[in-house]
C-alpha cells in the first residue's frame, strides 16, 4: 500500500483521527468521472491534528480493529476561528 493524502474529519478519540480520502474514477456506464470518499482511522501519536488539517498517512501494522494507518506529517493546518474575548462587566448591578 502507498501513502495517502486526506483531510481530517474527526479527532474526538485519544491519539487517533479519522481521515477522509477522495478519489476520482471513470464510470463506463455513466460516461463520466465519479468522486468517492474513503475514511481511514489513523494513529496521531501526539494529538496534533485538528479537524480540517490536510495530512499524509503511511500504512502500518494493525494497531487496533480498524486502525491500520499512521499520520506521517501534517501538510496544511486548518484555519481555526477564535472568537474575540468579550469584556466582563463587573460594575453592572441589577436592581429590581
N, C-alpha and C. Protein backbone atom coordinates (compact mmCIF):
# COMPACT_ATOMS: atom_id res chain seq x y z
N UNK A 1 0.85 -1.19 0.00
CA UNK A 1 0.00 0.00 0.00
C UNK A 1 0.88 1.24 0.00
N UNK A 2 0.35 2.31 -0.53
CA UNK A 2 1.09 3.55 -0.64
C UNK A 2 0.60 4.57 0.37
N UNK A 3 1.32 5.68 0.43
CA UNK A 3 0.88 6.78 1.26
C UNK A 3 -0.39 7.38 0.65
N UNK A 4 -1.26 7.91 1.50
CA UNK A 4 -2.45 8.60 1.02
C UNK A 4 -2.52 9.97 1.68
N UNK A 5 -3.10 10.92 0.96
CA UNK A 5 -3.28 12.28 1.46
C UNK A 5 -4.77 12.52 1.61
N UNK A 6 -5.16 13.02 2.78
CA UNK A 6 -6.58 13.25 3.02
C UNK A 6 -6.80 14.36 4.03
N UNK A 7 -8.06 14.57 4.36
CA UNK A 7 -8.49 15.63 5.26
C UNK A 7 -8.99 15.00 6.56
N UNK A 8 -8.58 15.58 7.69
CA UNK A 8 -9.03 15.09 8.99
C UNK A 8 -10.49 15.50 9.19
N UNK A 9 -11.36 14.53 9.45
CA UNK A 9 -12.78 14.83 9.65
C UNK A 9 -13.22 14.61 11.10
N UNK A 10 -12.39 13.93 11.91
CA UNK A 10 -12.73 13.73 13.31
C UNK A 10 -11.46 13.53 14.11
N UNK A 11 -11.41 14.18 15.28
CA UNK A 11 -10.28 13.99 16.20
C UNK A 11 -10.78 13.81 17.63
N UNK A 12 -11.93 13.22 17.79
CA UNK A 12 -12.53 13.09 19.12
C UNK A 12 -11.95 11.96 19.95
N UNK A 13 -11.12 11.11 19.34
CA UNK A 13 -10.52 10.00 20.06
C UNK A 13 -9.13 10.38 20.56
N UNK A 14 -8.65 9.69 21.56
CA UNK A 14 -7.31 9.94 22.06
C UNK A 14 -6.30 9.31 21.12
N UNK A 15 -5.35 10.11 20.64
CA UNK A 15 -4.25 9.66 19.78
C UNK A 15 -4.74 9.02 18.48
N UNK A 16 -5.94 9.35 18.03
CA UNK A 16 -6.47 8.81 16.78
C UNK A 16 -7.25 9.88 16.04
N UNK A 17 -7.24 9.80 14.71
CA UNK A 17 -8.03 10.70 13.88
C UNK A 17 -8.69 9.87 12.77
N UNK A 18 -9.75 10.43 12.20
CA UNK A 18 -10.38 9.84 11.03
C UNK A 18 -10.03 10.72 9.84
N UNK A 19 -9.46 10.12 8.80
CA UNK A 19 -9.01 10.85 7.62
C UNK A 19 -9.89 10.44 6.44
N UNK A 20 -10.46 11.44 5.74
CA UNK A 20 -11.27 11.20 4.55
C UNK A 20 -10.39 11.40 3.32
N UNK A 21 -10.37 10.39 2.45
CA UNK A 21 -9.55 10.43 1.23
C UNK A 21 -10.49 10.40 0.03
N UNK A 22 -10.40 11.42 -0.84
CA UNK A 22 -11.21 11.48 -2.05
C UNK A 22 -10.46 10.88 -3.21
N UNK A 23 -11.20 10.22 -4.10
CA UNK A 23 -10.60 9.67 -5.31
C UNK A 23 -11.59 9.82 -6.45
N UNK A 24 -11.07 9.96 -7.67
CA UNK A 24 -11.88 10.05 -8.87
C UNK A 24 -11.64 8.81 -9.72
N UNK A 25 -12.70 8.28 -10.31
CA UNK A 25 -12.54 7.18 -11.25
C UNK A 25 -13.57 7.35 -12.36
N UNK A 26 -13.24 6.78 -13.50
CA UNK A 26 -14.11 6.89 -14.67
C UNK A 26 -15.16 5.79 -14.63
N UNK A 27 -16.44 6.17 -14.75
CA UNK A 27 -17.54 5.22 -14.76
C UNK A 27 -17.96 4.97 -16.20
N UNK A 28 -17.86 3.72 -16.64
CA UNK A 28 -18.11 3.40 -18.05
C UNK A 28 -19.57 3.58 -18.44
N UNK A 29 -20.50 3.20 -17.57
CA UNK A 29 -21.92 3.29 -17.90
C UNK A 29 -22.38 4.75 -17.96
N UNK A 30 -21.97 5.55 -16.97
CA UNK A 30 -22.38 6.95 -16.92
C UNK A 30 -21.53 7.85 -17.80
N UNK A 31 -20.39 7.33 -18.29
CA UNK A 31 -19.50 8.06 -19.19
C UNK A 31 -19.03 9.37 -18.56
N UNK A 32 -18.66 9.31 -17.31
CA UNK A 32 -18.14 10.49 -16.62
C UNK A 32 -17.32 10.05 -15.41
N UNK A 33 -16.65 11.03 -14.82
CA UNK A 33 -15.85 10.76 -13.63
C UNK A 33 -16.72 10.86 -12.39
N UNK A 34 -16.50 9.95 -11.45
CA UNK A 34 -17.27 9.89 -10.23
C UNK A 34 -16.31 10.05 -9.05
N UNK A 35 -16.74 10.83 -8.06
CA UNK A 35 -15.91 11.06 -6.87
C UNK A 35 -16.40 10.16 -5.75
N UNK A 36 -15.48 9.47 -5.12
CA UNK A 36 -15.79 8.62 -3.97
C UNK A 36 -14.88 9.01 -2.80
N UNK A 37 -15.41 8.85 -1.60
CA UNK A 37 -14.66 9.18 -0.39
C UNK A 37 -14.50 7.93 0.46
N UNK A 38 -13.27 7.68 0.91
CA UNK A 38 -12.99 6.59 1.83
C UNK A 38 -12.51 7.18 3.15
N UNK A 39 -12.92 6.59 4.26
CA UNK A 39 -12.50 7.06 5.57
C UNK A 39 -11.57 6.03 6.20
N UNK A 40 -10.45 6.51 6.73
CA UNK A 40 -9.48 5.65 7.39
C UNK A 40 -9.22 6.19 8.79
N UNK A 41 -9.09 5.29 9.75
CA UNK A 41 -8.65 5.70 11.08
C UNK A 41 -7.13 5.64 11.11
N UNK A 42 -6.52 6.67 11.69
CA UNK A 42 -5.06 6.75 11.72
C UNK A 42 -4.58 7.13 13.11
N UNK A 43 -3.38 6.69 13.43
CA UNK A 43 -2.75 6.98 14.72
C UNK A 43 -2.12 8.36 14.66
N UNK A 44 -2.46 9.21 15.62
CA UNK A 44 -1.87 10.54 15.77
C UNK A 44 -1.21 10.56 17.15
N UNK A 45 0.05 10.19 17.21
CA UNK A 45 0.73 9.92 18.48
C UNK A 45 0.68 11.10 19.44
N UNK A 46 0.90 12.32 18.95
CA UNK A 46 0.97 13.49 19.83
C UNK A 46 -0.31 14.31 19.84
N UNK A 47 -1.36 13.83 19.20
CA UNK A 47 -2.65 14.52 19.12
C UNK A 47 -2.49 15.95 18.60
N UNK A 48 -1.78 16.11 17.49
CA UNK A 48 -1.53 17.42 16.91
C UNK A 48 -2.54 17.79 15.84
N UNK A 49 -3.28 16.84 15.32
CA UNK A 49 -4.20 17.10 14.20
C UNK A 49 -5.51 17.70 14.70
N UNK A 50 -6.04 18.64 13.91
CA UNK A 50 -7.35 19.21 14.15
C UNK A 50 -8.24 18.94 12.95
N UNK A 51 -9.53 19.15 13.11
CA UNK A 51 -10.46 18.94 12.01
C UNK A 51 -10.14 19.94 10.90
N UNK A 52 -10.04 19.45 9.68
CA UNK A 52 -9.74 20.30 8.53
C UNK A 52 -8.29 20.28 8.10
N UNK A 53 -7.41 19.67 8.88
CA UNK A 53 -5.99 19.57 8.51
C UNK A 53 -5.83 18.62 7.33
N UNK A 54 -4.90 18.96 6.44
CA UNK A 54 -4.55 18.06 5.35
C UNK A 54 -3.33 17.27 5.79
N UNK A 55 -3.44 15.94 5.80
CA UNK A 55 -2.37 15.09 6.35
C UNK A 55 -1.97 14.01 5.35
N UNK A 56 -0.74 13.52 5.51
CA UNK A 56 -0.26 12.37 4.76
C UNK A 56 -0.16 11.21 5.74
N UNK A 57 -0.71 10.05 5.36
CA UNK A 57 -0.68 8.89 6.23
C UNK A 57 0.10 7.76 5.58
N UNK A 58 0.79 7.00 6.40
CA UNK A 58 1.54 5.83 5.95
C UNK A 58 0.84 4.57 6.46
N UNK A 59 0.88 3.49 5.70
CA UNK A 59 0.33 2.23 6.21
C UNK A 59 1.21 1.66 7.31
N UNK A 60 0.62 0.90 8.21
CA UNK A 60 1.39 0.29 9.30
C UNK A 60 0.77 -1.06 9.64
N UNK A 61 1.35 -1.71 10.60
CA UNK A 61 0.78 -2.96 11.08
C UNK A 61 -0.57 -2.64 11.74
N UNK A 62 -1.44 -3.60 11.89
CA UNK A 62 -2.72 -3.32 12.55
C UNK A 62 -2.51 -2.86 14.00
N UNK A 63 -3.00 -1.66 14.29
CA UNK A 63 -2.86 -1.10 15.63
C UNK A 63 -4.09 -1.39 16.49
N UNK A 64 -5.23 -1.59 15.84
CA UNK A 64 -6.45 -1.98 16.53
C UNK A 64 -7.37 -2.61 15.49
N UNK A 65 -8.63 -2.79 15.83
CA UNK A 65 -9.55 -3.46 14.91
C UNK A 65 -9.71 -2.69 13.60
N UNK A 66 -9.76 -1.36 13.67
CA UNK A 66 -10.00 -0.54 12.48
C UNK A 66 -8.81 0.33 12.09
N UNK A 67 -7.79 0.41 12.92
CA UNK A 67 -6.70 1.36 12.70
C UNK A 67 -5.48 0.67 12.10
N UNK A 68 -5.16 1.02 10.83
CA UNK A 68 -4.02 0.43 10.13
C UNK A 68 -3.14 1.51 9.49
N UNK A 69 -3.30 2.75 9.88
CA UNK A 69 -2.56 3.87 9.29
C UNK A 69 -1.95 4.72 10.39
N UNK A 70 -0.87 5.43 10.05
CA UNK A 70 -0.19 6.34 10.97
C UNK A 70 -0.03 7.68 10.27
N UNK A 71 -0.32 8.78 10.97
CA UNK A 71 -0.14 10.11 10.39
C UNK A 71 1.35 10.38 10.26
N UNK A 72 1.82 10.57 9.02
CA UNK A 72 3.24 10.81 8.77
C UNK A 72 3.58 12.28 8.97
N UNK A 73 2.75 13.17 8.41
CA UNK A 73 3.00 14.60 8.56
C UNK A 73 1.73 15.38 8.29
N UNK A 74 1.69 16.58 8.84
CA UNK A 74 0.59 17.49 8.58
C UNK A 74 1.04 18.41 7.46
N UNK A 75 0.35 18.32 6.32
CA UNK A 75 0.75 19.11 5.15
C UNK A 75 0.25 20.55 5.25
N UNK A 76 -0.98 20.74 5.74
CA UNK A 76 -1.54 22.08 5.85
C UNK A 76 -2.46 22.13 7.06
N UNK A 77 -2.21 23.08 7.95
CA UNK A 77 -3.03 23.24 9.14
C UNK A 77 -4.31 23.99 8.76
N UNK A 78 -5.41 23.63 9.39
CA UNK A 78 -6.68 24.30 9.16
C UNK A 78 -6.70 25.63 9.90
N UNK A 79 -7.39 26.58 9.32
CA UNK A 79 -7.56 27.86 9.99
C UNK A 79 -8.69 27.73 10.99
N UNK A 80 -8.39 27.92 12.25
CA UNK A 80 -9.37 27.76 13.31
C UNK A 80 -9.82 29.14 13.78
N UNK A 81 -11.13 29.36 13.79
CA UNK A 81 -11.68 30.64 14.21
C UNK A 81 -11.69 30.71 15.73
N UNK A 82 -11.08 31.77 16.24
CA UNK A 82 -11.07 32.01 17.68
C UNK A 82 -11.87 33.28 17.92
N UNK A 83 -13.03 33.19 18.56
CA UNK A 83 -13.85 34.39 18.77
C UNK A 83 -13.15 35.36 19.70
N UNK A 84 -13.34 36.66 19.47
CA UNK A 84 -12.72 37.65 20.35
C UNK A 84 -13.31 37.55 21.75
N UNK A 85 -12.48 37.82 22.73
CA UNK A 85 -12.96 37.74 24.11
C UNK A 85 -13.85 38.93 24.41
N UNK A 86 -14.94 38.68 25.11
CA UNK A 86 -15.87 39.76 25.46
C UNK A 86 -15.48 40.32 26.81
N UNK A 87 -15.56 41.64 26.96
CA UNK A 87 -15.18 42.24 28.25
C UNK A 87 -16.20 41.86 29.33
N UNK A 88 -15.71 41.69 30.53
CA UNK A 88 -16.57 41.36 31.66
C UNK A 88 -17.09 42.65 32.28
N UNK A 89 -18.37 42.70 32.54
CA UNK A 89 -18.97 43.88 33.15
C UNK A 89 -19.22 43.58 34.63
N UNK A 90 -18.26 43.96 35.45
CA UNK A 90 -18.37 43.69 36.89
C UNK A 90 -19.13 44.80 37.61
N UNK A 91 -19.15 45.99 37.03
CA UNK A 91 -19.78 47.12 37.71
C UNK A 91 -21.28 47.18 37.47
N UNK A 92 -21.80 46.34 36.64
CA UNK A 92 -23.23 46.37 36.34
C UNK A 92 -23.97 45.62 37.43
N UNK A 93 -24.92 46.30 38.03
CA UNK A 93 -25.73 45.65 39.06
C UNK A 93 -27.20 45.83 38.68
N UNK A 94 -27.95 44.82 38.90
CA UNK A 94 -29.37 44.90 38.56
C UNK A 94 -30.15 45.19 39.83
N UNK A 95 -31.03 46.16 39.75
CA UNK A 95 -31.87 46.49 40.89
C UNK A 95 -33.32 46.28 40.48
N UNK A 96 -34.00 45.42 41.20
CA UNK A 96 -35.40 45.11 40.87
C UNK A 96 -36.29 45.56 41.97
